[in-house]
Protein backbone atom coordinates (compact mmCIF):
# COMPACT_ATOMS: atom_id res chain seq x y z
CA UNK A 1 16.04 -11.67 4.25
CA UNK A 2 17.22 -8.25 3.14
CA UNK A 3 14.13 -6.34 2.05
CA UNK A 4 14.46 -2.83 0.63
CA UNK A 5 11.42 -0.59 1.12
CA UNK A 6 11.18 2.23 -1.41
CA UNK A 7 9.22 4.97 0.33
CA UNK A 8 10.36 3.40 3.59
CA UNK A 9 10.27 6.61 5.60
CA UNK A 10 6.62 7.40 4.83
CA UNK A 11 3.31 6.47 6.45
CA UNK A 12 3.06 2.89 5.18
CA UNK A 13 6.73 2.20 4.55
CA UNK A 14 8.00 3.15 8.00
CA UNK A 15 5.51 0.83 9.70
CA UNK A 16 6.33 -2.00 7.26
CA UNK A 17 10.05 -1.58 7.99
CA UNK A 18 9.38 -1.81 11.72
CA UNK A 19 7.22 -4.91 11.34
CA UNK A 20 9.77 -6.67 9.12
CA UNK A 21 12.56 -5.94 11.60
CA UNK A 22 10.44 -7.32 14.44
CA UNK A 23 10.36 -10.61 12.52
CA UNK A 24 14.11 -10.73 12.07
CA UNK A 25 14.46 -9.36 8.55
CA UNK A 26 17.00 -6.79 7.44
CA UNK A 27 14.55 -4.10 6.34
CA UNK A 28 16.18 -1.10 4.71
CA UNK A 29 14.16 2.13 4.30
CA UNK A 30 15.00 3.82 1.00
CA UNK A 31 13.89 7.33 0.06
CA UNK A 32 15.43 10.57 -1.21
CA UNK A 33 16.19 11.56 2.39
CA UNK A 34 18.27 8.37 2.80
CA UNK A 35 20.15 8.93 -0.47
CA UNK A 36 18.00 6.69 -2.68
CA UNK A 37 15.89 8.19 -5.45
CA UNK A 38 14.02 5.79 -7.71
CA UNK A 39 12.96 8.63 -10.00
CA UNK A 40 16.56 9.54 -10.86
CA UNK A 41 18.11 6.15 -10.13
CA UNK A 42 20.41 7.61 -7.49
CA UNK A 43 21.58 5.03 -4.94
CA UNK A 44 19.55 2.12 -6.32
CA UNK A 45 22.45 -0.16 -7.25
CA UNK A 46 24.05 0.24 -3.84
CA UNK A 47 20.95 -0.26 -1.71
CA UNK A 48 19.74 -3.29 -3.71
CA UNK A 49 22.98 -5.23 -3.33
CA UNK A 50 22.11 -8.52 -1.64
CA UNK A 51 18.38 -7.78 -1.47
CA UNK A 52 15.92 -10.65 -1.75
CA UNK A 53 12.85 -8.44 -2.17
CA UNK A 54 11.92 -4.86 -2.95
CA UNK A 55 8.77 -3.17 -1.70
CA UNK A 56 7.56 -0.03 -3.48
CA UNK A 57 5.20 2.11 -1.42
CA UNK A 58 6.43 5.42 -2.82
CA UNK A 59 4.04 8.07 -4.07
CA UNK A 60 4.19 10.96 -6.50
CA UNK A 61 4.67 14.42 -4.96
CA UNK A 62 2.27 15.77 -7.62
CA UNK A 63 -1.14 14.37 -8.60
CA UNK A 64 -1.21 16.34 -11.87
CA UNK A 65 -1.92 13.87 -14.69
CA UNK A 66 1.35 14.09 -16.60
CA UNK A 67 3.53 14.40 -13.50
CA UNK A 68 2.04 11.40 -11.72
CA UNK A 69 2.26 9.24 -14.85
CA UNK A 70 5.91 10.19 -15.31
CA UNK A 71 6.66 9.48 -11.66
CA UNK A 72 5.27 5.96 -11.59
CA UNK A 73 6.50 4.84 -15.01
CA UNK A 74 10.00 6.29 -14.61
CA UNK A 75 10.60 5.21 -11.02
CA UNK A 76 9.18 1.74 -11.60
CA UNK A 77 11.23 1.30 -14.77
CA UNK A 78 14.39 2.32 -12.91
CA UNK A 79 13.58 -0.01 -10.03
CA UNK A 80 12.88 -3.04 -12.18
CA UNK A 81 16.06 -2.52 -14.19
CA UNK A 82 18.16 -2.18 -11.04
CA UNK A 83 16.46 -5.24 -9.53
CA UNK A 84 17.31 -7.37 -12.56
CA UNK A 85 20.98 -6.40 -12.26
CA UNK A 86 20.98 -7.10 -8.52
CA UNK A 87 19.21 -10.46 -8.82
CA UNK A 88 16.20 -9.45 -6.70
CA UNK A 89 13.62 -12.23 -6.61
CA UNK A 90 10.43 -10.44 -5.52
CA UNK A 91 8.94 -7.04 -6.35
CA UNK A 92 6.01 -5.90 -4.17
CA UNK A 93 4.00 -2.81 -5.07
CA UNK A 94 1.19 -1.09 -3.23
CA UNK A 95 -1.54 0.25 -5.48
CA UNK A 96 -5.26 1.06 -5.23
CA UNK A 97 -8.45 -0.85 -5.93
CA UNK A 98 -10.03 -0.65 -9.37
CA UNK A 99 -7.18 1.00 -11.28
CA UNK A 100 -8.38 -0.84 -14.38
CA UNK A 101 -11.96 0.34 -13.92
CA UNK A 102 -11.28 4.08 -14.30
CA UNK A 103 -8.33 4.70 -16.66
CA UNK A 104 -9.91 8.09 -17.41
CA UNK A 105 -8.72 9.28 -13.98
CA UNK A 106 -5.13 10.49 -14.14
CA UNK A 107 -3.92 8.90 -10.89
CA UNK A 108 -5.64 5.58 -11.64
CA UNK A 109 -4.14 5.62 -15.14
CA UNK A 110 -0.65 6.16 -13.73
CA UNK A 111 -1.00 3.33 -11.22
CA UNK A 112 -2.32 1.05 -13.96
CA UNK A 113 0.74 1.85 -16.08
CA UNK A 114 2.93 1.00 -13.09
CA UNK A 115 1.17 -2.33 -12.62
CA UNK A 116 1.61 -3.26 -16.27
CA UNK A 117 5.34 -2.59 -16.14
CA UNK A 118 5.61 -4.88 -13.13
CA UNK A 119 3.49 -7.62 -14.70
CA UNK A 120 5.55 -7.52 -17.91
CA UNK A 121 8.86 -7.70 -16.07
CA UNK A 122 10.60 -11.09 -15.60
CA UNK A 123 10.88 -10.41 -11.85
CA UNK A 124 8.36 -12.34 -9.71
CA UNK A 125 5.88 -9.89 -8.20
CA UNK A 126 2.98 -9.24 -5.86
CA UNK A 127 0.49 -6.39 -6.25
CA UNK A 128 -1.49 -5.18 -3.24
CA UNK A 129 -4.65 -3.24 -4.11
CA UNK A 130 -5.87 -1.23 -1.13
CA UNK A 131 -8.79 1.09 -0.50
CA UNK A 132 -8.22 4.62 0.84
CA UNK A 133 -6.48 5.04 4.19
CA UNK A 134 -8.13 6.44 7.32
CA UNK A 135 -5.10 8.73 7.62
CA UNK A 136 -6.07 10.57 4.42
CA UNK A 137 -9.60 11.43 5.55
CA UNK A 138 -8.80 15.04 6.39
CA UNK A 139 -7.04 15.56 3.06
CA UNK A 140 -9.95 14.07 1.12
CA UNK A 141 -12.43 16.38 2.90
CA UNK A 142 -10.24 19.46 2.38
CA UNK A 143 -9.78 18.64 -1.31
CA UNK A 144 -13.54 18.26 -1.74
CA UNK A 145 -14.31 21.50 0.05
CA UNK A 146 -11.61 23.62 -1.62
CA UNK A 147 -12.12 27.10 -0.17
CA UNK A 148 -15.79 26.76 0.72
CA UNK A 149 -17.61 26.00 3.94
CA UNK A 150 -19.51 23.04 2.45
CA UNK A 151 -17.97 19.64 1.75
CA UNK A 152 -19.69 18.07 -1.28
CA UNK A 153 -19.46 14.27 -1.26
CA UNK A 154 -20.93 11.67 -3.63
CA UNK A 155 -23.16 8.94 -2.13
CA UNK A 156 -20.96 6.15 -3.56
CA UNK A 157 -19.64 3.19 -1.60
CA UNK A 158 -16.57 3.84 0.54
CA UNK A 159 -14.56 1.32 2.59
CA UNK A 160 -11.33 2.86 3.93
CA UNK A 161 -8.69 0.96 5.89
CA UNK A 162 -6.18 1.73 8.65
CA UNK A 163 -2.64 2.37 7.43
CA UNK A 164 -1.34 -0.04 10.08
CA UNK A 165 -3.24 -2.91 8.46
CA UNK A 166 -1.96 -1.93 5.01
CA UNK A 167 1.60 -1.95 6.36
CA UNK A 168 1.08 -5.37 7.93
CA UNK A 169 -0.15 -6.81 4.63
CA UNK A 170 2.78 -5.24 2.80
CA UNK A 171 5.28 -6.71 5.27
CA UNK A 172 3.75 -10.19 5.20
CA UNK A 173 3.62 -10.20 1.43
CA UNK A 174 7.23 -9.07 1.09
CA UNK A 175 8.44 -11.84 3.39
CA UNK A 176 6.41 -14.47 1.55
CA UNK A 177 6.43 -16.22 -1.80
CA UNK A 178 5.68 -13.99 -4.82
CA UNK A 179 2.04 -14.16 -5.85
CA UNK A 180 2.64 -13.33 -9.51
CA UNK A 181 -0.77 -11.78 -9.14
CA UNK A 182 -2.73 -9.45 -6.90
CA UNK A 183 -4.61 -9.30 -3.64
CA UNK A 184 -7.16 -6.73 -2.44
CA UNK A 185 -7.52 -5.31 1.05
CA UNK A 186 -10.21 -3.04 2.48
CA UNK A 187 -11.54 -1.79 5.79
CA UNK A 188 -14.06 -3.82 7.83
CA UNK A 189 -16.97 -1.42 7.23
CA UNK A 190 -18.54 -0.21 4.00
CA UNK A 191 -20.70 2.90 4.00
CA UNK A 192 -21.73 5.72 1.71
CA UNK A 193 -18.97 8.26 1.22
CA UNK A 194 -21.17 11.20 2.19
CA UNK A 195 -22.38 9.40 5.31
CA UNK A 196 -18.82 8.48 6.32
CA UNK A 197 -17.59 12.04 6.07
CA UNK A 198 -20.68 13.49 7.76
CA UNK A 199 -19.90 11.34 10.81
CA UNK A 200 -16.15 11.91 10.50
CA UNK A 201 -16.38 15.70 10.44
CA UNK A 202 -18.66 15.62 13.46
CA UNK A 203 -16.13 13.43 15.29
CA UNK A 204 -13.32 15.82 14.31
CA UNK A 205 -15.27 18.79 15.63
CA UNK A 206 -15.23 20.25 12.12
CA UNK A 207 -18.16 22.66 11.65
CA UNK A 208 -18.31 22.32 7.88
CA UNK A 209 -21.44 20.76 6.41
CA UNK A 210 -21.19 17.65 4.24
CA UNK A 211 -23.51 18.04 1.26
CA UNK A 212 -24.62 14.99 -0.69
CA UNK A 213 -23.92 15.56 -4.36
CA UNK A 214 -23.99 12.68 -6.89
CA UNK A 215 -21.82 14.79 -9.21
CA UNK A 216 -19.21 15.77 -6.63
CA UNK A 217 -15.67 15.07 -7.76
CA UNK A 218 -13.12 12.92 -5.98
CA UNK A 219 -9.69 14.40 -6.82
CA UNK A 220 -11.01 15.74 -10.11
CA UNK A 221 -13.34 12.96 -11.24
CA UNK A 222 -16.98 12.01 -10.80
CA UNK A 223 -17.17 8.60 -9.16
CA UNK A 224 -19.40 5.64 -9.91
CA UNK A 225 -21.07 3.39 -7.34
CA UNK A 226 -18.24 0.85 -6.83
CA UNK A 227 -15.15 2.74 -8.04
CA UNK A 228 -13.63 2.98 -4.56
CA UNK A 229 -14.47 -0.47 -3.17
CA UNK A 230 -13.49 -4.00 -4.16
CA UNK A 231 -15.99 -6.43 -5.62
CA UNK A 232 -18.05 -8.12 -2.93
CA UNK A 233 -16.13 -10.99 -1.35
CA UNK A 234 -12.97 -10.24 -3.33
CA UNK A 235 -10.93 -8.53 -0.61
CA UNK A 236 -9.35 -9.43 2.70
CA UNK A 237 -10.92 -7.12 5.28
CA UNK A 238 -9.13 -5.36 8.10
CA UNK A 239 -10.28 -5.45 11.72
CA UNK A 240 -9.75 -1.86 12.84
CA UNK A 241 -12.90 0.24 12.55
CA UNK A 242 -12.73 3.98 11.95
CA UNK A 243 -14.15 4.66 15.41
CA UNK A 244 -11.41 2.56 17.01
CA UNK A 245 -8.73 4.14 14.83
CA UNK A 246 -9.97 7.63 15.63
CA UNK A 247 -9.93 6.90 19.37
CA UNK A 248 -6.24 6.00 19.07
CA UNK A 249 -5.40 8.71 16.53
CA UNK A 250 -7.40 11.88 17.26
CA UNK A 251 -7.67 14.12 14.20
CA UNK A 252 -6.43 17.61 15.04
């Protein structure tokens, strides 16, 4: 199969491309640095010629509410239109858990809008809802701390997953039959967010103190108990623990 991966040079996309190629597929990474821009439509018609499936793991360069909404609605609209013209039979998109639970959060609202466009399109689809990636741990901590020495974290449930396992799910889904629905994936271990980052910073050798704060914001919003984790029993769980991932990927 020819499978085009939008965002195919990034963290998740590059691994998915590699995995698809290992299984004999013609996986084509597509991104602005390869001459394909879903936001402007540049290069879409050419790269989608002969494609059986399209995977979208792209992300907005800005998390500002209006910018991120424009990115996901415009790029997804362009993709779906180009896919219809090219006769693509499967659209796979990576999104995050509980987008429908917190539409008051700008990023969640943008991903929800993306999902609705896909669901309303005539193209068969699969949606993959994932929890946060281990690889983004440092960014999450830095965002929470801003310029201070303390890292305020809410004591809500947190169940991050290794990017490698997200990529594997993306690749398997793209090579399979469209779900016309969604699946959820999460890491093997659930903990409290403050507890996770207290242990993580210690493992990183980061001297900053994690402070438990029920009102601490996560990228601009106060989180509720289960906003960042799937419903119990609803997700396929990964096998790589954070300790194992960290041993193989030391945080610098």
